[in-house]
Amino acid sequence: MGGVLVGFSIIGFVILVGYIVERFRIAGSGAGIVLNRMAFFVATPALLFTVLSHADPGLLFSTFLLTVLSTIVAGVVLYLVVARIFFRLPVAETVLGAGSATYVNANNIGLPVAIYVLGSATYVAPVLLLQLLVIAPIILAILDVSTSGRISFGSILTQPLRNPMIIASVAGIVVAILGIEVPVPVLAPLELIGGAAIPMVLMSFGMSLHGQRLLKKGTGRKQVVVATVIKVAVMPVIAYLLGRFVFDLGSAELFAVVAVSALPTAQNIFNFSARYNRAIIVTRDTVLLATVASIPALLVIAALLA
């Protein structure tokens, strides 16, 4: 438990530094965006490649990932039922709400939690691939149809090929499966660059928190609360029940799958929302509220299962 608390302390401190940097404009206007782009296009792909190239390929096709997928499906169904009964929103808003309730932040928060709390990024990397390769295209396809009445298969199918994290992850998986030994002159620079990914994404996230206001009247507060409760409280319970009683996970994997399920809503959902100009405030507030609420949730999970 002490090691887990140290891990969360490290994460929280770096986020706080990012917030302070933005609060006092130390890095100037737009620095958070630049830092985020550097992390997204350069540092995080390097980290994912170096981690996955040494990973056990069995974890990528395991009951662990099946448990995560089953938990996501259960969370989506639960949100759709609640939305159908109480909200009755258009398709686009409903899909974005369901995504807000289930799409985990496997990058900005997930990777630091995996490394410092779970002890290995290999628990988060398969989830990242699942979301980027399967779940995100489904969400985008539904949004395309519901907002324009047509679907751009080309854009959806080629999206993974334009995402550097997917390219790096797939390359790392291929290296691991084939047992290829990456030469040190190639691997060492990638490890050095990848080492900057975690502090960069945490600081940029802390910078993004400055100036945010939550749950303003008339902005879909009920949807935000429902999505946040499902994301932070209900999904970890579902993951625990499935992991222990259905898929019979070991203690380490059970802790990992519950912790991953408690991760906050990914900023990708807000990006999708902004792209289609639907439910922007709801997704933004859910991302922020779920992020704040996930900290005590993860501490409780660590106290019970670590």
Protein backbone atom coordinates (compact mmCIF):
# COMPACT_ATOMS: atom_id res chain seq x y z
CA MET A 1 0.00 0.00 0.00
CA GLY A 2 2.86 2.37 0.76
CA GLY A 3 4.27 1.93 -2.73
CA VAL A 4 0.86 2.66 -4.24
CA LEU A 5 0.55 5.89 -2.24
CA VAL A 6 4.02 6.92 -3.37
CA GLY A 7 2.98 6.28 -6.97
CA PHE A 8 -0.11 8.46 -6.65
CA SER A 9 1.92 11.13 -4.87
CA ILE A 10 4.36 11.25 -7.78
CA ILE A 11 1.53 11.56 -10.30
CA GLY A 12 -0.28 14.21 -8.28
CA PHE A 13 2.85 16.28 -7.73
CA VAL A 14 3.70 16.43 -11.44
CA ILE A 15 0.09 17.39 -12.28
CA LEU A 16 0.30 20.14 -9.63
CA VAL A 17 3.51 21.45 -11.18
CA GLY A 18 1.76 21.67 -14.55
CA TYR A 19 -1.15 23.55 -12.96
CA ILE A 20 1.24 26.03 -11.29
CA VAL A 21 3.13 26.55 -14.55
CA GLU A 22 -0.13 27.48 -16.31
CA ARG A 23 -1.47 29.48 -13.37
CA PHE A 24 1.52 31.84 -13.40
CA ARG A 25 2.07 31.69 -17.18
CA ILE A 26 5.64 30.50 -16.69
CA ALA A 27 5.83 28.80 -20.08
CA GLY A 28 3.76 31.36 -21.98
CA SER A 29 0.49 31.11 -23.86
CA GLY A 30 -0.25 27.81 -25.60
CA ALA A 31 2.57 25.91 -23.91
CA GLY A 32 0.22 23.17 -22.71
CA ILE A 33 -0.95 22.48 -26.25
CA VAL A 34 2.63 22.29 -27.53
CA LEU A 35 3.64 19.98 -24.68
CA ASN A 36 0.64 17.74 -25.33
CA ARG A 37 1.42 17.49 -29.04
CA MET A 38 5.05 16.64 -28.35
CA ALA A 39 3.92 13.90 -25.99
CA PHE A 40 1.30 12.58 -28.42
CA PHE A 41 3.38 12.54 -31.59
CA VAL A 42 6.89 11.84 -30.23
CA ALA A 43 7.39 10.76 -26.63
CA THR A 44 4.40 8.47 -26.01
CA PRO A 45 4.84 6.46 -29.25
CA ALA A 46 8.49 5.91 -28.27
CA LEU A 47 7.41 4.75 -24.80
CA LEU A 48 4.75 2.40 -26.15
CA PHE A 49 7.14 0.82 -28.63
CA THR A 50 9.87 0.19 -26.06
CA VAL A 51 7.39 -1.23 -23.53
CA LEU A 52 5.48 -3.47 -25.93
CA SER A 53 8.59 -4.75 -27.68
CA HIS A 54 9.55 -6.41 -24.37
CA ALA A 55 6.01 -7.37 -23.33
CA ASP A 56 4.53 -10.83 -23.01
CA PRO A 57 2.37 -11.20 -26.15
CA GLY A 58 -0.04 -13.39 -24.18
CA LEU A 59 -1.24 -10.35 -22.24
CA LEU A 60 -2.44 -8.78 -25.48
CA PHE A 61 -4.79 -11.71 -26.16
CA SER A 62 -5.74 -12.66 -22.62
CA THR A 63 -8.69 -12.93 -20.27
CA PHE A 64 -7.47 -9.63 -18.80
CA LEU A 65 -8.32 -7.77 -22.00
CA LEU A 66 -11.54 -9.75 -22.39
CA THR A 67 -12.54 -8.65 -18.89
CA VAL A 68 -11.87 -5.02 -19.79
CA LEU A 69 -13.94 -5.33 -22.98
CA SER A 70 -16.83 -7.00 -21.12
CA THR A 71 -16.76 -4.23 -18.50
CA ILE A 72 -16.91 -1.55 -21.19
CA VAL A 73 -19.86 -3.26 -22.89
CA ALA A 74 -21.72 -3.53 -19.57
CA GLY A 75 -21.06 0.15 -18.83
CA VAL A 76 -22.34 1.20 -22.27
CA VAL A 77 -25.52 -0.85 -21.86
CA LEU A 78 -26.14 0.63 -18.41
CA TYR A 79 -25.74 4.20 -19.67
CA LEU A 80 -27.99 3.56 -22.68
CA VAL A 81 -30.72 2.21 -20.42
CA VAL A 82 -30.51 5.22 -18.10
CA ALA A 83 -30.39 7.64 -21.05
CA ARG A 84 -33.39 5.99 -22.68
CA ILE A 85 -35.48 6.27 -19.50
CA PHE A 86 -34.47 9.72 -18.23
CA PHE A 87 -32.80 11.78 -20.98
CA ARG A 88 -34.13 10.71 -24.41
CA LEU A 89 -31.37 12.55 -26.25
CA PRO A 90 -30.50 12.40 -29.97
CA VAL A 91 -28.22 9.58 -31.13
CA ALA A 92 -25.02 11.65 -31.25
CA GLU A 93 -25.45 13.01 -27.72
CA THR A 94 -26.32 9.54 -26.40
CA VAL A 95 -23.27 7.94 -27.99
CA LEU A 96 -20.98 10.65 -26.64
CA GLY A 97 -22.53 10.22 -23.19
CA ALA A 98 -21.96 6.46 -23.32
CA GLY A 99 -18.38 7.10 -24.40
CA SER A 100 -17.91 9.53 -21.53
CA ALA A 101 -19.07 6.81 -19.13
CA THR A 102 -16.79 4.05 -20.45
CA TYR A 103 -13.85 5.28 -22.57
CA VAL A 104 -10.87 5.27 -20.19
CA ASN A 105 -7.94 7.66 -20.20
CA ALA A 106 -5.35 5.01 -20.97
CA ASN A 107 -2.74 7.56 -22.08
CA ASN A 108 -2.49 10.70 -19.93
CA ILE A 109 -3.52 9.02 -16.66
CA GLY A 110 -3.45 5.32 -17.50
CA LEU A 111 0.22 5.07 -18.39
CA PRO A 112 1.46 6.85 -15.24
CA VAL A 113 -0.87 4.76 -13.06
CA ALA A 114 0.26 1.57 -14.78
CA ILE A 115 3.95 2.37 -14.37
CA TYR A 116 3.96 3.82 -10.86
CA VAL A 117 1.04 1.93 -9.29
CA LEU A 118 0.56 -1.33 -11.19
CA GLY A 119 4.27 -1.72 -11.92
CA SER A 120 4.04 -2.19 -15.70
CA ALA A 121 2.66 -0.28 -18.68
CA THR A 122 1.76 -3.59 -20.34
CA TYR A 123 -1.56 -3.56 -18.49
CA VAL A 124 -2.64 -0.32 -20.17
CA ALA A 125 -1.16 -0.73 -23.65
CA PRO A 126 -3.65 -3.47 -24.73
CA VAL A 127 -6.54 -1.31 -23.50
CA LEU A 128 -5.20 1.64 -25.47
CA LEU A 129 -5.10 -0.50 -28.62
CA LEU A 130 -8.59 -1.87 -28.01
CA GLN A 131 -10.02 1.62 -27.73
CA LEU A 132 -8.12 3.15 -30.63
CA LEU A 133 -8.54 0.23 -33.06
CA VAL A 134 -12.07 -0.95 -32.22
CA ILE A 135 -14.09 1.35 -29.97
CA ALA A 136 -13.09 4.74 -31.40
CA PRO A 137 -13.91 3.77 -35.03
CA ILE A 138 -17.34 2.52 -33.88
CA ILE A 139 -18.06 5.81 -32.09
CA LEU A 140 -16.89 7.84 -35.08
CA ALA A 141 -18.96 5.75 -37.49
CA ILE A 142 -22.14 6.31 -35.46
CA LEU A 143 -21.39 10.04 -35.17
CA ASP A 144 -20.81 10.26 -38.92
CA VAL A 145 -24.14 8.63 -39.71
CA SER A 146 -26.16 10.45 -37.04
CA THR A 147 -24.84 13.93 -37.86
CA SER A 148 -24.52 13.81 -41.64
CA GLY A 149 -26.69 10.91 -42.73
CA ARG A 150 -23.76 9.22 -44.45
CA ILE A 151 -20.66 7.32 -43.44
CA SER A 152 -17.08 7.86 -44.55
CA PHE A 153 -15.60 4.37 -44.46
CA GLY A 154 -12.31 5.62 -45.84
CA SER A 155 -11.81 8.08 -43.01
CA ILE A 156 -12.72 5.51 -40.36
CA LEU A 157 -10.59 2.71 -41.79
CA THR A 158 -7.52 4.88 -42.29
CA GLN A 159 -7.76 6.62 -38.92
CA PRO A 160 -5.54 4.04 -37.14
CA LEU A 161 -2.89 4.52 -39.82
CA ARG A 162 -2.74 8.23 -38.94
CA ASN A 163 -2.33 7.72 -35.20
CA PRO A 164 1.34 7.54 -34.10
CA MET A 165 0.47 5.69 -30.88
CA ILE A 166 -1.27 2.92 -32.82
CA ILE A 167 1.61 2.64 -35.30
CA ALA A 168 4.19 2.46 -32.51
CA SER A 169 2.11 -0.02 -30.49
CA VAL A 170 1.56 -2.35 -33.43
CA ALA A 171 5.27 -2.21 -34.28
CA GLY A 172 6.15 -3.07 -30.67
CA ILE A 173 3.71 -6.00 -30.66
CA VAL A 174 5.16 -7.37 -33.90
CA VAL A 175 8.67 -7.18 -32.44
CA ALA A 176 7.53 -8.98 -29.28
CA ILE A 177 5.63 -11.72 -31.12
CA LEU A 178 8.46 -12.39 -33.58
CA GLY A 179 11.11 -12.21 -30.85
CA ILE A 180 13.14 -9.62 -32.74
CA GLU A 181 16.12 -8.21 -30.86
CA VAL A 182 16.17 -4.46 -31.38
CA PRO A 183 19.77 -3.14 -31.63
CA VAL A 184 20.89 -1.00 -28.70
CA PRO A 185 21.73 2.04 -30.89
CA VAL A 186 18.09 2.02 -32.02
CA LEU A 187 16.42 1.12 -28.72
CA ALA A 188 18.42 3.41 -26.40
CA PRO A 189 17.36 6.73 -28.04
CA LEU A 190 13.74 5.56 -28.07
CA GLU A 191 13.94 4.71 -24.35
CA LEU A 192 15.42 8.14 -23.66
CA ILE A 193 12.65 9.92 -25.58
CA GLY A 194 9.98 7.65 -24.11
CA GLY A 195 11.16 8.52 -20.62
CA ALA A 196 9.91 12.06 -21.20
CA ALA A 197 6.37 10.92 -22.07
CA ILE A 198 4.93 10.53 -18.56
CA PRO A 199 6.07 13.88 -17.13
CA MET A 200 5.03 15.63 -20.35
CA VAL A 201 1.48 14.24 -20.41
CA LEU A 202 1.00 14.79 -16.67
CA MET A 203 2.22 18.38 -16.79
CA SER A 204 0.12 19.17 -19.86
CA PHE A 205 -2.90 17.68 -18.13
CA GLY A 206 -2.26 19.80 -15.04
CA MET A 207 -2.00 22.86 -17.26
CA SER A 208 -5.37 22.03 -18.86
CA LEU A 209 -7.10 22.06 -15.46
CA HIS A 210 -6.48 25.76 -14.89
CA GLY A 211 -9.55 27.95 -15.38
CA GLN A 212 -12.08 25.11 -15.73
CA ARG A 213 -15.56 25.47 -14.19
CA LEU A 214 -17.78 22.47 -13.52
CA LEU A 215 -21.51 21.78 -13.73
CA LYS A 216 -22.90 25.15 -14.77
CA LYS A 217 -26.69 25.30 -14.80
CA GLY A 218 -28.32 24.31 -18.07
CA THR A 219 -25.30 22.40 -19.43
CA GLY A 220 -26.50 18.81 -18.95
CA ARG A 221 -25.46 18.31 -15.34
CA LYS A 222 -27.53 15.14 -14.96
CA GLN A 223 -25.81 13.47 -17.90
CA VAL A 224 -22.43 14.50 -16.51
CA VAL A 225 -23.18 13.06 -13.07
CA VAL A 226 -24.56 9.79 -14.45
CA ALA A 227 -21.60 9.30 -16.79
CA THR A 228 -19.11 10.10 -14.02
CA VAL A 229 -20.72 7.74 -11.50
CA ILE A 230 -20.72 4.90 -14.02
CA LYS A 231 -17.13 5.61 -15.04
CA VAL A 232 -15.55 5.98 -11.60
CA ALA A 233 -17.79 3.91 -9.30
CA VAL A 234 -19.86 1.39 -11.26
CA MET A 235 -17.34 0.15 -13.83
CA PRO A 236 -14.73 -0.85 -11.21
CA VAL A 237 -17.41 -2.91 -9.42
CA ILE A 238 -18.41 -4.59 -12.68
CA ALA A 239 -14.76 -5.27 -13.48
CA TYR A 240 -14.22 -6.81 -10.05
CA LEU A 241 -17.26 -9.09 -10.34
CA LEU A 242 -16.36 -10.19 -13.85
CA GLY A 243 -12.66 -10.60 -13.09
CA ARG A 244 -13.16 -12.63 -9.94
CA PHE A 245 -16.28 -14.69 -10.58
CA VAL A 246 -16.43 -15.01 -14.37
CA PHE A 247 -12.86 -14.88 -15.70
CA ASP A 248 -11.08 -16.04 -12.52
CA LEU A 249 -8.19 -13.55 -12.73
CA GLY A 250 -5.21 -13.76 -10.39
CA SER A 251 -4.79 -11.16 -7.67
CA ALA A 252 -2.37 -8.98 -9.66
CA GLU A 253 -4.50 -8.98 -12.81
CA LEU A 254 -7.68 -8.43 -10.76
CA PHE A 255 -6.15 -5.34 -9.16
CA ALA A 256 -5.01 -4.13 -12.58
CA VAL A 257 -8.36 -4.64 -14.32
CA VAL A 258 -10.29 -2.87 -11.54
CA ALA A 259 -7.80 0.01 -11.46
CA VAL A 260 -7.92 0.39 -15.25
CA SER A 261 -11.72 0.44 -15.15
CA ALA A 262 -11.61 3.27 -12.58
CA LEU A 263 -9.46 5.49 -14.77
CA PRO A 264 -11.20 8.75 -15.71
CA THR A 265 -12.83 9.54 -19.04
CA ALA A 266 -10.35 10.03 -21.87
CA GLN A 267 -9.96 13.43 -23.49
CA ASN A 268 -10.52 11.68 -26.84
CA ILE A 269 -14.26 11.81 -26.14
CA PHE A 270 -14.10 15.59 -25.83
CA ASN A 271 -12.12 15.69 -29.09
CA PHE A 272 -14.84 13.65 -30.83
CA SER A 273 -17.48 15.92 -29.35
CA ALA A 274 -15.71 19.07 -30.54
CA ARG A 275 -15.19 17.62 -34.01
CA TYR A 276 -18.93 16.98 -34.48
CA ASN A 277 -20.04 19.97 -32.36
CA ARG A 278 -22.29 17.85 -30.16
CA ALA A 279 -22.45 17.59 -26.34
CA ILE A 280 -19.27 19.64 -25.97
CA ILE A 281 -19.93 20.94 -22.47
CA VAL A 282 -21.19 17.57 -21.21
CA THR A 283 -18.11 15.70 -22.39
CA ARG A 284 -15.74 18.41 -21.14
CA ASP A 285 -17.28 18.47 -17.67
CA THR A 286 -17.36 14.67 -17.49
CA VAL A 287 -13.67 14.44 -18.34
CA LEU A 288 -12.79 16.93 -15.62
CA LEU A 289 -15.16 15.61 -12.94
CA ALA A 290 -14.22 11.98 -13.58
CA THR A 291 -10.54 12.91 -13.37
CA VAL A 292 -11.00 14.52 -9.96
CA ALA A 293 -13.23 11.69 -8.68
CA SER A 294 -10.91 8.95 -9.93
CA ILE A 295 -8.16 9.91 -7.47
CA PRO A 296 -10.01 8.83 -4.29
CA ALA A 297 -11.55 5.90 -6.21
CA LEU A 298 -8.12 4.58 -7.20
CA LEU A 299 -6.84 5.06 -3.64
CA VAL A 300 -9.74 2.97 -2.29
CA ILE A 301 -9.13 0.28 -4.91
CA ALA A 302 -5.44 0.19 -4.06
CA ALA A 303 -6.21 -0.09 -0.33
CA LEU A 304 -8.53 -3.05 -0.95
CA LEU A 305 -6.74 -4.93 -3.72
CA ALA A 306 -3.10 -3.86 -4.04
